[in-house]
Amino acid sequence: MGVDAVRLYAVVAAGGFRRYATYRTATAAGVFTNTVFGFIMAYTYVALWDERPQLGGYDMPQALTYVWLGQALLMTCAMMGGGFEDELIERIRTGDVAVDLYRPVDLQLWWLAGDLGRAAFHLLGRGIVPMLLGSLAFDLALPASPGVWLAFLVSVALGVVVSFAIRYLVALSAFWLLDGAGVSQMTALAGMFFSGMLLPLTLFPGVLGDVARVLPWSSLLQVPADVLLGKSTGWGLVEAYAFQGGWALTLLLVGRLVQSVATRRVVVQGG
């Protein structure tokens, strides 16, 4: 990829950031919603951890930190979906995607760049405030080392790419289904459950837990949370990055393959 291409996708990412930054009322409402649900889940976790102080391998401050990380990353990693895929599905349904394919840019990288901008805004615009409020109300296990925070941000970035790759495949399903709403809803449910948003995946029993931890959705919350909480250090951190990077690369390659097949049969609905 040349310098000009890198600059182009950087501009697209910046545009994605500015696009979501214009929705100030929606952002404020999102911060309020994340904060309310954060308190609800935090008090639920308090009740659980009062009974089982080391449940899932976390102590109380770590469990509460996990709760507020979930609220900070819910929209950042788009665990419930939402974002570019709805727009892309509509463009496929109407046939406008044919125009996109004529542009001198890579379709997958174009949407990825925009989604990275969206994720950056949500991390700053909807992630920081609930986390700060949570830290004022509860005793959280936040690291003091800048290196841990940097390692966490790298993990979050990898999680965002994995999330994009999943949602890109969901959007491409519209080439065959013409309406990807059903697939999108099922993927959103899977994302909420298997990311660890409801409960840490370390609490899942037996085979269910083993399977959940190796699915790509664990890259969205469980893996970044364990990096921040110091559960993944040294070679463990390398393994965490390799896990996320492996899923990101695999899903992006599958997406490119599906895109190649799909664009050979661009369907304009009604004609």
Protein backbone atom coordinates (compact mmCIF):
# COMPACT_ATOMS: atom_id res chain seq x y z
CA MET A 1 0.00 0.00 0.00
CA GLY A 2 1.44 3.36 -1.06
CA VAL A 3 1.75 6.54 0.95
CA ASP A 4 -1.15 8.15 -0.92
CA ALA A 5 -3.40 5.18 -0.09
CA VAL A 6 -2.45 5.37 3.59
CA ARG A 7 -3.28 9.08 3.60
CA LEU A 8 -6.60 8.41 1.92
CA TYR A 9 -7.68 5.82 4.49
CA ALA A 10 -6.45 8.09 7.30
CA VAL A 11 -8.74 10.80 5.93
CA VAL A 12 -11.61 8.29 5.79
CA ALA A 13 -10.95 7.29 9.43
CA ALA A 14 -10.89 10.95 10.47
CA GLY A 15 -14.15 11.44 8.60
CA GLY A 16 -15.68 8.53 10.49
CA PHE A 17 -14.62 10.14 13.77
CA ARG A 18 -16.09 13.53 12.81
CA ARG A 19 -19.29 11.94 11.56
CA TYR A 20 -20.13 10.42 14.94
CA ALA A 21 -18.85 13.48 16.80
CA THR A 22 -21.65 15.55 15.24
CA TYR A 23 -24.32 13.53 17.10
CA ARG A 24 -23.81 15.26 20.44
CA THR A 25 -27.28 14.62 21.84
CA ALA A 26 -27.08 10.93 20.93
CA THR A 27 -23.62 10.75 22.52
CA ALA A 28 -24.86 12.34 25.76
CA ALA A 29 -27.81 9.94 25.82
CA GLY A 30 -25.42 7.04 25.22
CA VAL A 31 -23.15 8.11 28.07
CA PHE A 32 -26.18 8.30 30.37
CA THR A 33 -27.42 4.86 29.26
CA ASN A 34 -24.00 3.24 29.66
CA THR A 35 -23.66 4.76 33.11
CA VAL A 36 -27.09 3.59 34.28
CA PHE A 37 -26.54 0.06 33.02
CA GLY A 38 -23.06 0.14 34.52
CA PHE A 39 -24.49 0.80 37.97
CA ILE A 40 -27.15 -1.88 37.53
CA MET A 41 -24.59 -4.49 36.52
CA ALA A 42 -22.10 -3.33 39.14
CA TYR A 43 -24.56 -3.88 41.99
CA THR A 44 -25.50 -7.24 40.48
CA TYR A 45 -21.82 -8.20 40.47
CA VAL A 46 -21.45 -6.98 44.06
CA ALA A 47 -24.22 -9.39 45.11
CA LEU A 48 -22.57 -12.27 43.23
CA TRP A 49 -19.06 -11.60 44.50
CA ASP A 50 -20.27 -11.15 48.08
CA GLU A 51 -21.29 -14.80 47.91
CA ARG A 52 -18.25 -15.97 45.91
CA PRO A 53 -15.32 -13.56 46.54
CA GLN A 54 -13.04 -15.11 43.86
CA LEU A 55 -15.71 -15.98 41.31
CA GLY A 56 -14.24 -16.57 37.86
CA GLY A 57 -10.74 -15.81 39.13
CA TYR A 58 -11.53 -12.15 39.84
CA ASP A 59 -11.71 -10.39 43.17
CA MET A 60 -14.38 -7.73 43.79
CA PRO A 61 -12.42 -4.70 42.45
CA GLN A 62 -11.41 -6.65 39.34
CA ALA A 63 -15.00 -7.79 38.74
CA LEU A 64 -16.28 -4.23 39.06
CA THR A 65 -13.55 -3.00 36.73
CA TYR A 66 -14.71 -5.61 34.24
CA VAL A 67 -18.24 -4.20 34.44
CA TRP A 68 -17.19 -0.66 33.61
CA LEU A 69 -14.81 -1.83 30.89
CA GLY A 70 -17.79 -3.55 29.32
CA GLN A 71 -19.70 -0.27 29.27
CA ALA A 72 -16.69 1.55 27.84
CA LEU A 73 -16.17 -1.01 25.06
CA LEU A 74 -19.80 -1.83 24.28
CA MET A 75 -20.03 0.68 21.44
CA THR A 76 -16.29 0.90 20.79
CA CYS A 77 -16.19 -2.77 19.75
CA ALA A 78 -19.81 -2.71 18.55
CA MET A 79 -20.70 -5.84 20.53
CA MET A 80 -24.37 -5.41 19.64
CA GLY A 81 -23.63 -4.47 16.05
CA GLY A 82 -24.55 -1.11 14.61
CA GLY A 83 -22.40 1.15 12.50
CA PHE A 84 -21.29 0.72 8.93
CA GLU A 85 -22.97 -2.65 8.30
CA ASP A 86 -26.50 -1.24 8.23
CA GLU A 87 -25.47 1.32 5.63
CA LEU A 88 -23.57 -1.24 3.57
CA ILE A 89 -26.49 -3.68 3.69
CA GLU A 90 -28.79 -0.95 2.39
CA ARG A 91 -26.37 -0.06 -0.40
CA ILE A 92 -26.22 -3.72 -1.41
CA ARG A 93 -30.00 -4.03 -1.27
CA THR A 94 -30.54 -1.00 -3.50
CA GLY A 95 -27.64 -1.77 -5.81
CA ASP A 96 -25.74 1.43 -4.92
CA VAL A 97 -22.79 -0.76 -3.98
CA ALA A 98 -22.09 -1.02 -7.71
CA VAL A 99 -20.99 2.62 -7.57
CA ASP A 100 -18.69 1.82 -4.64
CA LEU A 101 -17.04 -0.96 -6.60
CA TYR A 102 -16.12 1.46 -9.39
CA ARG A 103 -14.24 3.73 -7.01
CA PRO A 104 -10.42 3.47 -7.10
CA VAL A 105 -10.31 2.26 -3.50
CA ASP A 106 -10.51 -1.10 -1.79
CA LEU A 107 -14.07 -1.68 -0.58
CA GLN A 108 -13.07 -3.59 2.56
CA LEU A 109 -10.33 -1.16 3.59
CA TRP A 110 -12.61 1.82 2.96
CA TRP A 111 -15.22 0.56 5.40
CA LEU A 112 -12.55 -0.60 7.88
CA ALA A 113 -10.99 2.87 7.96
CA GLY A 114 -14.36 4.48 8.61
CA ASP A 115 -15.13 1.97 11.36
CA LEU A 116 -11.81 2.64 13.08
CA GLY A 117 -12.76 6.31 13.21
CA ARG A 118 -16.15 5.41 14.67
CA ALA A 119 -14.53 3.20 17.30
CA ALA A 120 -12.04 5.89 18.30
CA PHE A 121 -14.85 8.37 18.86
CA HIS A 122 -16.92 5.95 20.93
CA LEU A 123 -13.92 5.05 23.08
CA LEU A 124 -13.34 8.73 23.87
CA GLY A 125 -16.90 10.02 23.68
CA ARG A 126 -18.80 7.19 25.38
CA GLY A 127 -16.12 5.19 27.17
CA ILE A 128 -14.22 7.58 29.40
CA VAL A 129 -17.05 9.29 31.30
CA PRO A 130 -18.84 6.09 32.49
CA MET A 131 -15.45 4.67 33.49
CA LEU A 132 -14.64 7.78 35.52
CA LEU A 133 -18.04 7.78 37.21
CA GLY A 134 -17.66 4.09 38.00
CA SER A 135 -14.26 4.71 39.55
CA LEU A 136 -15.76 7.40 41.80
CA ALA A 137 -18.53 5.12 43.04
CA PHE A 138 -16.63 1.82 43.35
CA ASP A 139 -13.18 0.55 44.21
CA LEU A 140 -11.81 -0.42 40.80
CA ALA A 141 -8.60 -2.29 40.01
CA LEU A 142 -7.20 0.25 37.53
CA PRO A 143 -3.48 -0.13 36.73
CA ALA A 144 -1.02 2.65 37.51
CA SER A 145 1.47 1.65 34.81
CA PRO A 146 1.20 3.50 31.46
CA GLY A 147 2.58 0.37 29.81
CA VAL A 148 -0.44 -1.66 30.88
CA TRP A 149 -2.77 0.98 29.50
CA LEU A 150 -0.85 0.99 26.22
CA ALA A 151 -1.04 -2.80 26.02
CA PHE A 152 -4.77 -2.53 26.71
CA LEU A 153 -5.29 0.00 23.89
CA VAL A 154 -3.46 -2.30 21.45
CA SER A 155 -5.77 -5.13 22.49
CA VAL A 156 -8.82 -2.89 22.06
CA ALA A 157 -7.67 -1.93 18.56
CA LEU A 158 -7.32 -5.60 17.63
CA GLY A 159 -10.77 -6.25 19.08
CA VAL A 160 -12.23 -3.48 16.93
CA VAL A 161 -10.73 -5.06 13.80
CA VAL A 162 -12.16 -8.47 14.75
CA SER A 163 -15.56 -6.84 15.32
CA PHE A 164 -15.36 -5.11 11.94
CA ALA A 165 -14.44 -8.34 10.18
CA ILE A 166 -17.45 -10.14 11.69
CA ARG A 167 -19.84 -7.34 10.80
CA TYR A 168 -18.40 -7.05 7.29
CA LEU A 169 -19.27 -10.69 6.68
CA VAL A 170 -22.76 -10.00 8.03
CA ALA A 171 -23.15 -7.11 5.59
CA LEU A 172 -21.92 -9.20 2.65
CA SER A 173 -24.66 -11.76 3.36
CA ALA A 174 -27.06 -9.20 1.86
CA PHE A 175 -25.68 -10.06 -1.58
CA TRP A 176 -27.60 -13.33 -1.26
CA LEU A 177 -30.34 -12.48 1.24
CA LEU A 178 -31.01 -8.87 0.09
CA ASP A 179 -31.97 -8.16 3.70
CA GLY A 180 -29.34 -8.84 6.30
CA ALA A 181 -31.47 -7.81 9.30
CA GLY A 182 -31.95 -11.37 10.54
CA VAL A 183 -28.27 -12.27 10.32
CA SER A 184 -27.37 -8.95 11.93
CA GLN A 185 -29.69 -9.55 14.89
CA MET A 186 -28.41 -13.08 15.46
CA THR A 187 -24.82 -11.86 15.32
CA ALA A 188 -25.63 -9.09 17.81
CA LEU A 189 -27.02 -11.65 20.26
CA ALA A 190 -23.96 -13.85 19.81
CA GLY A 191 -21.74 -10.83 20.34
CA MET A 192 -23.42 -9.89 23.61
CA PHE A 193 -23.21 -13.43 24.96
CA PHE A 194 -19.84 -14.66 23.71
CA SER A 195 -17.92 -11.40 24.19
CA GLY A 196 -18.40 -11.70 27.94
CA MET A 197 -20.58 -8.61 28.13
CA LEU A 198 -23.15 -10.26 30.39
CA LEU A 199 -20.72 -12.32 32.47
CA PRO A 200 -16.97 -12.97 32.17
CA LEU A 201 -16.32 -16.01 30.01
CA THR A 202 -14.29 -17.49 32.87
CA LEU A 203 -17.61 -18.13 34.61
CA PHE A 204 -18.96 -20.27 31.76
CA PRO A 205 -18.89 -23.93 32.76
CA GLY A 206 -17.23 -26.87 31.06
CA VAL A 207 -17.34 -27.20 27.29
CA LEU A 208 -19.40 -24.03 26.92
CA GLY A 209 -16.64 -22.02 28.56
CA ASP A 210 -13.93 -23.69 26.48
CA VAL A 211 -15.80 -22.97 23.26
CA ALA A 212 -16.73 -19.41 24.23
CA ARG A 213 -13.14 -18.48 24.98
CA VAL A 214 -11.87 -19.56 21.54
CA LEU A 215 -14.61 -17.84 19.52
CA PRO A 216 -13.73 -14.48 17.91
CA TRP A 217 -16.20 -12.53 20.06
CA SER A 218 -14.00 -13.04 23.14
CA SER A 219 -11.56 -10.62 21.47
CA LEU A 220 -14.04 -7.77 21.95
CA LEU A 221 -14.12 -7.63 25.76
CA GLN A 222 -12.76 -10.66 27.59
CA VAL A 223 -9.25 -10.46 26.13
CA PRO A 224 -8.81 -6.65 26.49
CA ALA A 225 -10.21 -6.83 30.03
CA ASP A 226 -7.73 -9.52 31.03
CA VAL A 227 -4.91 -7.42 29.58
CA LEU A 228 -5.93 -4.41 31.66
CA LEU A 229 -6.47 -6.50 34.79
CA GLY A 230 -3.00 -8.02 34.52
CA LYS A 231 -4.23 -11.53 33.71
CA SER A 232 -2.24 -11.50 30.45
CA THR A 233 1.39 -10.55 30.93
CA GLY A 234 4.68 -11.59 29.34
CA TRP A 235 4.11 -14.50 26.98
CA GLY A 236 0.46 -14.43 28.02
CA LEU A 237 0.18 -10.97 26.46
CA VAL A 238 1.86 -12.22 23.28
CA GLU A 239 -0.60 -15.11 23.16
CA ALA A 240 -3.52 -12.70 23.67
CA TYR A 241 -2.36 -10.53 20.77
CA ALA A 242 -1.74 -13.60 18.61
CA PHE A 243 -5.25 -14.85 19.36
CA GLN A 244 -6.85 -11.54 18.42
CA GLY A 245 -4.58 -10.96 15.45
CA GLY A 246 -5.17 -14.49 14.18
CA TRP A 247 -8.92 -14.05 14.24
CA ALA A 248 -8.67 -10.59 12.68
CA LEU A 249 -6.51 -11.83 9.81
CA THR A 250 -8.60 -14.98 9.26
CA LEU A 251 -11.92 -13.14 9.21
CA LEU A 252 -10.58 -10.34 7.00
CA LEU A 253 -9.30 -12.90 4.50
CA VAL A 254 -12.64 -14.74 4.56
CA GLY A 255 -14.37 -11.42 4.04
CA ARG A 256 -12.17 -10.66 1.04
CA LEU A 257 -12.93 -14.08 -0.42
CA VAL A 258 -16.67 -13.67 0.10
CA GLN A 259 -16.47 -10.17 -1.37
CA SER A 260 -14.72 -11.53 -4.45
CA VAL A 261 -17.46 -14.12 -4.95
CA ALA A 262 -20.28 -11.69 -4.16
CA THR A 263 -19.17 -8.90 -6.48
CA ARG A 264 -19.39 -11.25 -9.42
CA ARG A 265 -23.12 -11.28 -8.98
CA VAL A 266 -24.09 -7.78 -7.88
CA VAL A 267 -27.85 -7.82 -7.67
CA VAL A 268 -29.94 -4.71 -8.06
CA GLN A 269 -33.26 -5.44 -6.40
CA GLY A 270 -36.11 -5.23 -8.86
CA GLY A 271 -33.96 -5.47 -11.92
